[in-house]
PDB file of N, CA and C in Angstrom:
ATOM      1  N   MET A   1       0.819  -1.199   0.000  1.00  0.00           N
ATOM      2  CA  MET A   1       0.000   0.000   0.000  1.00  0.00           C
ATOM      3  C   MET A   1       0.866   1.267   0.000  1.00  0.00           C
ATOM      4  N   ASP A   2       2.006   1.180   0.669  1.00  0.00           N
ATOM      5  CA  ASP A   2       2.900   2.339   0.686  1.00  0.00           C
ATOM      6  C   ASP A   2       3.444   2.646  -0.706  1.00  0.00           C
ATOM      7  N   ALA A   3       3.665   1.608  -1.482  1.00  0.00           N
ATOM      8  CA  ALA A   3       4.170   1.816  -2.844  1.00  0.00           C
ATOM      9  C   ALA A   3       3.152   2.594  -3.677  1.00  0.00           C
ATOM     10  N   PHE A   4       1.880   2.304  -3.466  1.00  0.00           N
ATOM     11  CA  PHE A   4       0.824   3.023  -4.187  1.00  0.00           C
ATOM     12  C   PHE A   4       0.863   4.506  -3.850  1.00  0.00           C
ATOM     13  N   PHE A   5       0.977   4.815  -2.567  1.00  0.00           N
ATOM     14  CA  PHE A   5       1.020   6.221  -2.156  1.00  0.00           C
ATOM     15  C   PHE A   5       2.298   6.907  -2.635  1.00  0.00           C
ATOM     16  N   ASP A   6       3.388   6.166  -2.696  1.00  0.00           N
ATOM     17  CA  ASP A   6       4.630   6.733  -3.240  1.00  0.00           C
ATOM     18  C   ASP A   6       4.460   7.086  -4.719  1.00  0.00           C
ATOM     19  N   ILE A   7       3.805   6.213  -5.459  1.00  0.00           N
ATOM     20  CA  ILE A   7       3.566   6.465  -6.882  1.00  0.00           C
ATOM     21  C   ILE A   7       2.658   7.672  -7.059  1.00  0.00           C
ATOM     22  N   VAL A   8       1.582   7.743  -6.266  1.00  0.00           N
ATOM     23  CA  VAL A   8       0.657   8.878  -6.351  1.00  0.00           C
ATOM     24  C   VAL A   8       1.369  10.180  -5.984  1.00  0.00           C
ATOM     25  N   ALA A   9       2.174  10.144  -4.934  1.00  0.00           N
ATOM     26  CA  ALA A   9       2.897  11.354  -4.511  1.00  0.00           C
ATOM     27  C   ALA A   9       3.891  11.792  -5.584  1.00  0.00           C
ATOM     28  N   GLU A  10       4.571  10.840  -6.196  1.00  0.00           N
ATOM     29  CA  GLU A  10       5.519  11.194  -7.260  1.00  0.00           C
ATOM     30  C   GLU A  10       4.788  11.759  -8.469  1.00  0.00           C
ATOM     31  N   PHE A  11       3.632  11.176  -8.793  1.00  0.00           N
ATOM     32  CA  PHE A  11       2.831  11.676  -9.908  1.00  0.00           C
ATOM     33  C   PHE A  11       2.358  13.099  -9.644  1.00  0.00           C
ATOM     34  N   LEU A  12       1.845  13.346  -8.438  1.00  0.00           N
ATOM     35  CA  LEU A  12       1.362  14.687  -8.106  1.00  0.00           C
ATOM     36  C   LEU A  12       2.510  15.696  -8.072  1.00  0.00           C
ATOM     37  N   GLY A  13       3.684  15.261  -7.649  1.00  0.00           N
ATOM     38  CA  GLY A  13       4.845  16.139  -7.676  1.00  0.00           C
ATOM     39  C   GLY A  13       5.213  16.516  -9.106  1.00  0.00           C
ATOM     40  N   GLY A  14       5.122  15.551 -10.014  1.00  0.00           N
ATOM     41  CA  GLY A  14       5.383  15.834 -11.428  1.00  0.00           C
ATOM     42  C   GLY A  14       4.347  16.764 -12.022  1.00  0.00           C
ATOM     43  N   VAL A  15       3.089  16.564 -11.645  1.00  0.00           N
ATOM     44  CA  VAL A  15       2.018  17.436 -12.133  1.00  0.00           C
ATOM     45  C   VAL A  15       2.245  18.859 -11.633  1.00  0.00           C
ATOM     46  N   TRP A  16       2.618  18.999 -10.371  1.00  0.00           N
ATOM     47  CA  TRP A  16       2.868  20.332  -9.820  1.00  0.00           C
ATOM     48  C   TRP A  16       4.033  21.005 -10.542  1.00  0.00           C
ATOM     49  N   LYS A  17       5.061  20.226 -10.885  1.00  0.00           N
ATOM     50  CA  LYS A  17       6.198  20.788 -11.609  1.00  0.00           C
ATOM     51  C   LYS A  17       5.767  21.271 -12.995  1.00  0.00           C
ATOM     52  N   ILE A  18       4.930  20.501 -13.668  1.00  0.00           N
ATOM     53  CA  ILE A  18       4.425  20.902 -14.988  1.00  0.00           C
ATOM     54  C   ILE A  18       3.589  22.175 -14.869  1.00  0.00           C
ATOM     55  N   ILE A  19       2.773  22.267 -13.823  1.00  0.00           N
ATOM     56  CA  ILE A  19       1.951  23.466 -13.611  1.00  0.00           C
ATOM     57  C   ILE A  19       2.851  24.679 -13.373  1.00  0.00           C
ATOM     58  N   ARG A  20       3.890  24.504 -12.568  1.00  0.00           N
ATOM     59  CA  ARG A  20       4.803  25.623 -12.306  1.00  0.00           C
ATOM     60  C   ARG A  20       5.519  26.069 -13.562  1.00  0.00           C
ATOM     61  N   TYR A  21       5.976  25.120 -14.381  1.00  0.00           N
ATOM     62  CA  TYR A  21       6.627  25.494 -15.641  1.00  0.00           C
ATOM     63  C   TYR A  21       5.648  26.160 -16.596  1.00  0.00           C
ATOM     64  N   GLY A  22       4.408  25.708 -16.595  1.00  0.00           N
ATOM     65  CA  GLY A  22       3.387  26.346 -17.423  1.00  0.00           C
ATOM     66  C   GLY A  22       3.145  27.780 -16.999  1.00  0.00           C
ATOM     67  N   ILE A  23       3.077  27.997 -15.707  1.00  0.00           N
ATOM     68  CA  ILE A  23       2.896  29.357 -15.187  1.00  0.00           C
ATOM     69  C   ILE A  23       4.105  30.219 -15.553  1.00  0.00           C
ATOM     70  N   ALA A  24       5.294  29.640 -15.456  1.00  0.00           N
ATOM     71  CA  ALA A  24       6.503  30.404 -15.809  1.00  0.00           C
ATOM     72  C   ALA A  24       6.508  30.787 -17.284  1.00  0.00           C
ATOM     73  N   LEU A  25       6.120  29.861 -18.153  1.00  0.00           N
ATOM     74  CA  LEU A  25       6.066  30.179 -19.584  1.00  0.00           C
ATOM     75  C   LEU A  25       4.989  31.208 -19.888  1.00  0.00           C
ATOM     76  N   PHE A  26       3.843  31.092 -19.221  1.00  0.00           N
ATOM     77  CA  PHE A  26       2.777  32.076 -19.389  1.00  0.00           C
ATOM     78  C   PHE A  26       3.252  33.444 -18.924  1.00  0.00           C
ATOM     79  N   TYR A  27       3.956  33.478 -17.809  1.00  0.00           N
ATOM     80  CA  TYR A  27       4.519  34.732 -17.307  1.00  0.00           C
ATOM     81  C   TYR A  27       5.464  35.353 -18.331  1.00  0.00           C
ATOM     82  N   LEU A  28       6.358  34.522 -18.874  1.00  0.00           N
ATOM     83  CA  LEU A  28       7.318  35.059 -19.838  1.00  0.00           C
ATOM     84  C   LEU A  28       6.629  35.612 -21.077  1.00  0.00           C
ATOM     85  N   ALA A  29       5.619  34.901 -21.560  1.00  0.00           N
ATOM     86  CA  ALA A  29       4.891  35.373 -22.747  1.00  0.00           C
ATOM     87  C   ALA A  29       4.191  36.694 -22.451  1.00  0.00           C
ATOM     88  N   CYS A  30       3.523  36.776 -21.307  1.00  0.00           N
ATOM     89  CA  CYS A  30       2.834  38.021 -20.941  1.00  0.00           C
ATOM     90  C   CYS A  30       3.827  39.145 -20.706  1.00  0.00           C
ATOM     91  N   ASN A  31       4.933  38.814 -20.088  1.00  0.00           N
ATOM     92  CA  ASN A  31       5.952  39.811 -19.796  1.00  0.00           C
ATOM     93  C   ASN A  31       6.510  40.411 -21.078  1.00  0.00           C
ATOM     94  N   VAL A  32       6.826  39.565 -22.046  1.00  0.00           N
ATOM     95  CA  VAL A  32       7.372  40.040 -23.312  1.00  0.00           C
ATOM     96  C   VAL A  32       6.337  40.873 -24.063  1.00  0.00           C
ATOM     97  N   ALA A  33       5.098  40.385 -24.106  1.00  0.00           N
ATOM     98  CA  ALA A  33       4.048  41.110 -24.830  1.00  0.00           C
ATOM     99  C   ALA A  33       3.765  42.464 -24.186  1.00  0.00           C
ATOM    100  N   LEU A  34       3.602  42.484 -22.876  1.00  0.00           N
ATOM    101  CA  LEU A  34       3.310  43.751 -22.196  1.00  0.00           C
ATOM    102  C   LEU A  34       4.488  44.715 -22.294  1.00  0.00           C
ATOM    103  N   HIS A  35       5.683  44.187 -22.200  1.00  0.00           N
ATOM    104  CA  HIS A  35       6.846  45.061 -22.318  1.00  0.00           C
ATOM    105  C   HIS A  35       6.902  45.706 -23.705  1.00  0.00           C
ATOM    106  N   GLY A  36       6.608  44.933 -24.732  1.00  0.00           N
ATOM    107  CA  GLY A  36       6.602  45.480 -26.082  1.00  0.00           C
ATOM    108  C   GLY A  36       5.554  46.557 -26.265  1.00  0.00           C
ATOM    109  N   VAL A  37       4.353  46.298 -25.776  1.00  0.00           N
ATOM    110  CA  VAL A  37       3.268  47.278 -25.906  1.00  0.00           C
ATOM    111  C   VAL A  37       3.590  48.544 -25.131  1.00  0.00           C
ATOM    112  N   LEU A  38       4.007  48.385 -23.898  1.00  0.00           N
ATOM    113  CA  LEU A  38       4.258  49.560 -23.058  1.00  0.00           C
ATOM    114  C   LEU A  38       5.468  50.361 -23.533  1.00  0.00           C
ATOM    115  N   SER A  39       6.505  49.690 -24.003  1.00  0.00           N
ATOM    116  CA  SER A  39       7.657  50.451 -24.479  1.00  0.00           C
ATOM    117  C   SER A  39       7.332  51.203 -25.771  1.00  0.00           C
ATOM    118  N   THR A  40       6.487  50.616 -26.614  1.00  0.00           N
ATOM    119  CA  THR A  40       6.064  51.327 -27.826  1.00  0.00           C
ATOM    120  C   THR A  40       5.253  52.565 -27.468  1.00  0.00           C
ATOM    121  N   ILE A  41       4.334  52.419 -26.531  1.00  0.00           N
ATOM    122  CA  ILE A  41       3.521  53.562 -26.106  1.00  0.00           C
ATOM    123  C   ILE A  41       4.398  54.635 -25.467  1.00  0.00           C
ATOM    124  N   ASP A  42       5.363  54.220 -24.646  1.00  0.00           N
ATOM    125  CA  ASP A  42       6.266  55.193 -24.032  1.00  0.00           C
ATOM    126  C   ASP A  42       7.089  55.935 -25.082  1.00  0.00           C
ATOM    127  N   LYS A  43       7.529  55.215 -26.115  1.00  0.00           N
ATOM    128  CA  LYS A  43       8.296  55.858 -27.192  1.00  0.00           C
ATOM    129  C   LYS A  43       7.438  56.884 -27.935  1.00  0.00           C
ATOM    130  N   VAL A  44       6.179  56.529 -28.197  1.00  0.00           N
ATOM    131  CA  VAL A  44       5.270  57.466 -28.869  1.00  0.00           C
ATOM    132  C   VAL A  44       5.039  58.689 -27.988  1.00  0.00           C
ATOM    133  N   LEU A  45       4.894  58.488 -26.701  1.00  0.00           N
ATOM    134  CA  LEU A  45       4.680  59.614 -25.786  1.00  0.00           C
ATOM    135  C   LEU A  45       5.910  60.507 -25.700  1.00  0.00           C
ATOM    136  N   GLU A  46       7.102  59.919 -25.787  1.00  0.00           N
ATOM    137  CA  GLU A  46       8.317  60.735 -25.784  1.00  0.00           C
ATOM    138  C   GLU A  46       8.408  61.577 -27.053  1.00  0.00           C
ATOM    139  N   ASP A  47       7.987  61.008 -28.178  1.00  0.00           N
ATOM    140  CA  ASP A  47       8.055  61.731 -29.449  1.00  0.00           C
ATOM    141  C   ASP A  47       6.996  62.829 -29.547  1.00  0.00           C
ATOM    142  N   ASN A  48       5.865  62.660 -28.870  1.00  0.00           N
ATOM    143  CA  ASN A  48       4.759  63.630 -28.917  1.00  0.00           C
ATOM    144  C   ASN A  48       4.315  63.981 -27.496  1.00  0.00           C
ATOM    145  N   PRO A  49       5.146  64.713 -26.749  1.00  0.00           N
ATOM    146  CA  PRO A  49       4.835  64.929 -25.329  1.00  0.00           C
ATOM    147  C   PRO A  49       3.591  65.781 -25.072  1.00  0.00           C
ATOM    148  N   GLY A  50       3.232  66.663 -25.993  1.00  0.00           N
ATOM    149  CA  GLY A  50       2.105  67.546 -25.733  1.00  0.00           C
ATOM    150  C   GLY A  50       0.794  67.068 -26.315  1.00  0.00           C
ATOM    151  N   ASP A  51       0.788  65.941 -26.977  1.00  0.00           N
ATOM    152  CA  ASP A  51      -0.419  65.472 -27.651  1.00  0.00           C
ATOM    153  C   ASP A  51      -1.393  64.901 -26.631  1.00  0.00           C
ATOM    154  N   PHE A  52      -2.591  65.471 -26.594  1.00  0.00           N
ATOM    155  CA  PHE A  52      -3.597  65.087 -25.603  1.00  0.00           C
ATOM    156  C   PHE A  52      -4.059  63.638 -25.789  1.00  0.00           C
ATOM    157  N   LEU A  53      -4.194  63.196 -27.032  1.00  0.00           N
ATOM    158  CA  LEU A  53      -4.659  61.824 -27.276  1.00  0.00           C
ATOM    159  C   LEU A  53      -3.668  60.789 -26.752  1.00  0.00           C
ATOM    160  N   PHE A  54      -2.392  61.092 -26.857  1.00  0.00           N
ATOM    161  CA  PHE A  54      -1.405  60.148 -26.355  1.00  0.00           C
ATOM    162  C   PHE A  54      -1.361  60.141 -24.832  1.00  0.00           C
ATOM    163  N   LYS A  55      -1.691  61.278 -24.212  1.00  0.00           N
ATOM    164  CA  LYS A  55      -1.788  61.279 -22.748  1.00  0.00           C
ATOM    165  C   LYS A  55      -2.967  60.430 -22.295  1.00  0.00           C
ATOM    166  N   ILE A  56      -4.056  60.480 -23.041  1.00  0.00           N
ATOM    167  CA  ILE A  56      -5.187  59.603 -22.730  1.00  0.00           C
ATOM    168  C   ILE A  56      -4.771  58.139 -22.889  1.00  0.00           C
ATOM    169  N   LEU A  57      -4.002  57.859 -23.941  1.00  0.00           N
ATOM    170  CA  LEU A  57      -3.499  56.508 -24.159  1.00  0.00           C
ATOM    171  C   LEU A  57      -2.644  56.044 -22.989  1.00  0.00           C
ATOM    172  N   LEU A  58      -1.857  56.947 -22.436  1.00  0.00           N
ATOM    173  CA  LEU A  58      -1.041  56.603 -21.268  1.00  0.00           C
ATOM    174  C   LEU A  58      -1.924  56.186 -20.100  1.00  0.00           C
ATOM    175  N   TYR A  59      -2.988  56.934 -19.844  1.00  0.00           N
ATOM    176  CA  TYR A  59      -3.878  56.595 -18.732  1.00  0.00           C
ATOM    177  C   TYR A  59      -4.655  55.308 -18.994  1.00  0.00           C
ATOM    178  N   LEU A  60      -4.963  55.048 -20.250  1.00  0.00           N
ATOM    179  CA  LEU A  60      -5.665  53.810 -20.576  1.00  0.00           C
ATOM    180  C   LEU A  60      -4.761  52.582 -20.422  1.00  0.00           C
ATOM    181  N   THR A  61      -3.459  52.778 -20.510  1.00  0.00           N
ATOM    182  CA  THR A  61      -2.550  51.644 -20.345  1.00  0.00           C
ATOM    183  C   THR A  61      -2.149  51.404 -18.898  1.00  0.00           C
ATOM    184  N   MET A  62      -2.648  52.186 -17.983  1.00  0.00           N
ATOM    185  CA  MET A  62      -2.317  51.964 -16.571  1.00  0.00           C
ATOM    186  C   MET A  62      -2.738  50.568 -16.089  1.00  0.00           C
ATOM    187  N   PRO A  63      -3.899  50.039 -16.491  1.00  0.00           N
ATOM    188  CA  PRO A  63      -4.208  48.655 -16.086  1.00  0.00           C
ATOM    189  C   PRO A  63      -3.194  47.640 -16.630  1.00  0.00           C
ATOM    190  N   LEU A  64      -2.683  47.870 -17.849  1.00  0.00           N
ATOM    191  CA  LEU A  64      -1.649  46.985 -18.378  1.00  0.00           C
ATOM    192  C   LEU A  64      -0.389  47.042 -17.534  1.00  0.00           C
ATOM    193  N   ARG A  65      -0.057  48.241 -17.092  1.00  0.00           N
ATOM    194  CA  ARG A  65       1.125  48.386 -16.240  1.00  0.00           C
ATOM    195  C   ARG A  65       0.904  47.686 -14.897  1.00  0.00           C
ATOM    196  N   ALA A  66      -0.315  47.734 -14.378  1.00  0.00           N
ATOM    197  CA  ALA A  66      -0.620  47.033 -13.127  1.00  0.00           C
ATOM    198  C   ALA A  66      -0.526  45.517 -13.315  1.00  0.00           C
ATOM    199  N   ILE A  67      -1.006  45.021 -14.455  1.00  0.00           N
ATOM    200  CA  ILE A  67      -0.905  43.590 -14.750  1.00  0.00           C
ATOM    201  C   ILE A  67       0.562  43.184 -14.865  1.00  0.00           C
ATOM    202  N   PHE A  68       1.358  44.003 -15.522  1.00  0.00           N
ATOM    203  CA  PHE A  68       2.791  43.749 -15.656  1.00  0.00           C
ATOM    204  C   PHE A  68       3.436  43.642 -14.280  1.00  0.00           C
ATOM    205  N   PHE A  69       3.097  44.563 -13.389  1.00  0.00           N
ATOM    206  CA  PHE A  69       3.624  44.555 -12.023  1.00  0.00           C
ATOM    207  C   PHE A  69       3.154  43.312 -11.279  1.00  0.00           C
ATOM    208  N   PHE A  70       1.871  42.942 -11.441  1.00  0.00           N
ATOM    209  CA  PHE A  70       1.332  41.763 -10.774  1.00  0.00           C
ATOM    210  C   PHE A  70       2.062  40.502 -11.211  1.00  0.00           C
ATOM    211  N   PHE A  71       2.274  40.341 -12.523  1.00  0.00           N
ATOM    212  CA  PHE A  71       2.946  39.144 -13.015  1.00  0.00           C
ATOM    213  C   PHE A  71       4.373  39.061 -12.497  1.00  0.00           C
ATOM    214  N   ASN A  72       5.060  40.181 -12.406  1.00  0.00           N
ATOM    215  CA  ASN A  72       6.419  40.169 -11.865  1.00  0.00           C
ATOM    216  C   ASN A  72       6.423  39.691 -10.424  1.00  0.00           C
ATOM    217  N   ASN A  73       5.528  40.219  -9.600  1.00  0.00           N
ATOM    218  CA  ASN A  73       5.469  39.817  -8.196  1.00  0.00           C
ATOM    219  C   ASN A  73       4.990  38.377  -8.045  1.00  0.00           C
ATOM    220  N   PHE A  74       4.000  37.979  -8.854  1.00  0.00           N
ATOM    221  CA  PHE A  74       3.456  36.623  -8.781  1.00  0.00           C
ATOM    222  C   PHE A  74       4.526  35.597  -9.130  1.00  0.00           C
ATOM    223  N   PHE A  75       5.299  35.878 -10.165  1.00  0.00           N
ATOM    224  CA  PHE A  75       6.342  34.946 -10.581  1.00  0.00           C
ATOM    225  C   PHE A  75       7.425  34.835  -9.513  1.00  0.00           C
ATOM    226  N   GLU A  76       7.771  35.941  -8.881  1.00  0.00           N
ATOM    227  CA  GLU A  76       8.777  35.899  -7.821  1.00  0.00           C
ATOM    228  C   GLU A  76       8.289  35.056  -6.642  1.00  0.00           C
ATOM    229  N   GLU A  77       7.002  35.143  -6.306  1.00  0.00           N
ATOM    230  CA  GLU A  77       6.463  34.363  -5.199  1.00  0.00           C
ATOM    231  C   GLU A  77       6.423  32.876  -5.525  1.00  0.00           C
ATOM    232  N   ILE A  78       6.077  32.545  -6.754  1.00  0.00           N
ATOM    233  CA  ILE A  78       5.951  31.126  -7.135  1.00  0.00           C
ATOM    234  C   ILE A  78       7.309  30.442  -7.206  1.00  0.00           C
ATOM    235  N   THR A  79       8.314  31.170  -7.636  1.00  0.00           N
ATOM    236  CA  THR A  79       9.618  30.540  -7.840  1.00  0.00           C
ATOM    237  C   THR A  79      10.509  30.582  -6.607  1.00  0.00           C
ATOM    238  N   LYS A  80       9.990  30.976  -5.481  1.00  0.00           N
ATOM    239  CA  LYS A  80      10.808  30.985  -4.254  1.00  0.00           C
ATOM    240  C   LYS A  80      11.081  29.578  -3.785  1.00  0.00           C
TER     241      LYS A  80
END
Protein backbone atom coordinates (compact mmCIF):
# COMPACT_ATOMS: atom_id res chain seq x y z
CA MET A 1 0.00 0.00 0.00
CA ASP A 2 2.90 2.34 0.69
CA ALA A 3 4.17 1.82 -2.84
CA PHE A 4 0.82 3.02 -4.19
CA PHE A 5 1.02 6.22 -2.16
CA ASP A 6 4.63 6.73 -3.24
CA ILE A 7 3.57 6.47 -6.88
CA VAL A 8 0.66 8.88 -6.35
CA ALA A 9 2.90 11.35 -4.51
CA GLU A 10 5.52 11.19 -7.26
CA PHE A 11 2.83 11.68 -9.91
CA LEU A 12 1.36 14.69 -8.11
CA GLY A 13 4.85 16.14 -7.68
CA GLY A 14 5.38 15.83 -11.43
CA VAL A 15 2.02 17.44 -12.13
CA TRP A 16 2.87 20.33 -9.82
CA LYS A 17 6.20 20.79 -11.61
CA ILE A 18 4.42 20.90 -14.99
CA ILE A 19 1.95 23.47 -13.61
CA ARG A 20 4.80 25.62 -12.31
CA TYR A 21 6.63 25.49 -15.64
CA GLY A 22 3.39 26.35 -17.42
CA ILE A 23 2.90 29.36 -15.19
CA ALA A 24 6.50 30.40 -15.81
CA LEU A 25 6.07 30.18 -19.58
CA PHE A 26 2.78 32.08 -19.39
CA TYR A 27 4.52 34.73 -17.31
CA LEU A 28 7.32 35.06 -19.84
CA ALA A 29 4.89 35.37 -22.75
CA CYS A 30 2.83 38.02 -20.94
CA ASN A 31 5.95 39.81 -19.80
CA VAL A 32 7.37 40.04 -23.31
CA ALA A 33 4.05 41.11 -24.83
CA LEU A 34 3.31 43.75 -22.20
CA HIS A 35 6.85 45.06 -22.32
CA GLY A 36 6.60 45.48 -26.08
CA VAL A 37 3.27 47.28 -25.91
CA LEU A 38 4.26 49.56 -23.06
CA SER A 39 7.66 50.45 -24.48
CA THR A 40 6.06 51.33 -27.83
CA ILE A 41 3.52 53.56 -26.11
CA ASP A 42 6.27 55.19 -24.03
CA LYS A 43 8.30 55.86 -27.19
CA VAL A 44 5.27 57.47 -28.87
CA LEU A 45 4.68 59.61 -25.79
CA GLU A 46 8.32 60.73 -25.78
CA ASP A 47 8.06 61.73 -29.45
CA ASN A 48 4.76 63.63 -28.92
CA PRO A 49 4.84 64.93 -25.33
CA GLY A 50 2.10 67.55 -25.73
CA ASP A 51 -0.42 65.47 -27.65
CA PHE A 52 -3.60 65.09 -25.60
CA LEU A 53 -4.66 61.82 -27.28
CA PHE A 54 -1.41 60.15 -26.35
CA LYS A 55 -1.79 61.28 -22.75
CA ILE A 56 -5.19 59.60 -22.73
CA LEU A 57 -3.50 56.51 -24.16
CA LEU A 58 -1.04 56.60 -21.27
CA TYR A 59 -3.88 56.59 -18.73
CA LEU A 60 -5.66 53.81 -20.58
CA THR A 61 -2.55 51.64 -20.34
CA MET A 62 -2.32 51.96 -16.57
CA PRO A 63 -4.21 48.65 -16.09
CA LEU A 64 -1.65 46.98 -18.38
CA ARG A 65 1.12 48.39 -16.24
CA ALA A 66 -0.62 47.03 -13.13
CA ILE A 67 -0.91 43.59 -14.75
CA PHE A 68 2.79 43.75 -15.66
CA PHE A 69 3.62 44.55 -12.02
CA PHE A 70 1.33 41.76 -10.77
CA PHE A 71 2.95 39.14 -13.02
CA ASN A 72 6.42 40.17 -11.86
CA ASN A 73 5.47 39.82 -8.20
CA PHE A 74 3.46 36.62 -8.78
CA PHE A 75 6.34 34.95 -10.58
CA GLU A 76 8.78 35.90 -7.82
CA GLU A 77 6.46 34.36 -5.20
CA ILE A 78 5.95 31.13 -7.14
CA THR A 79 9.62 30.54 -7.84
CA LYS A 80 10.81 30.99 -4.25
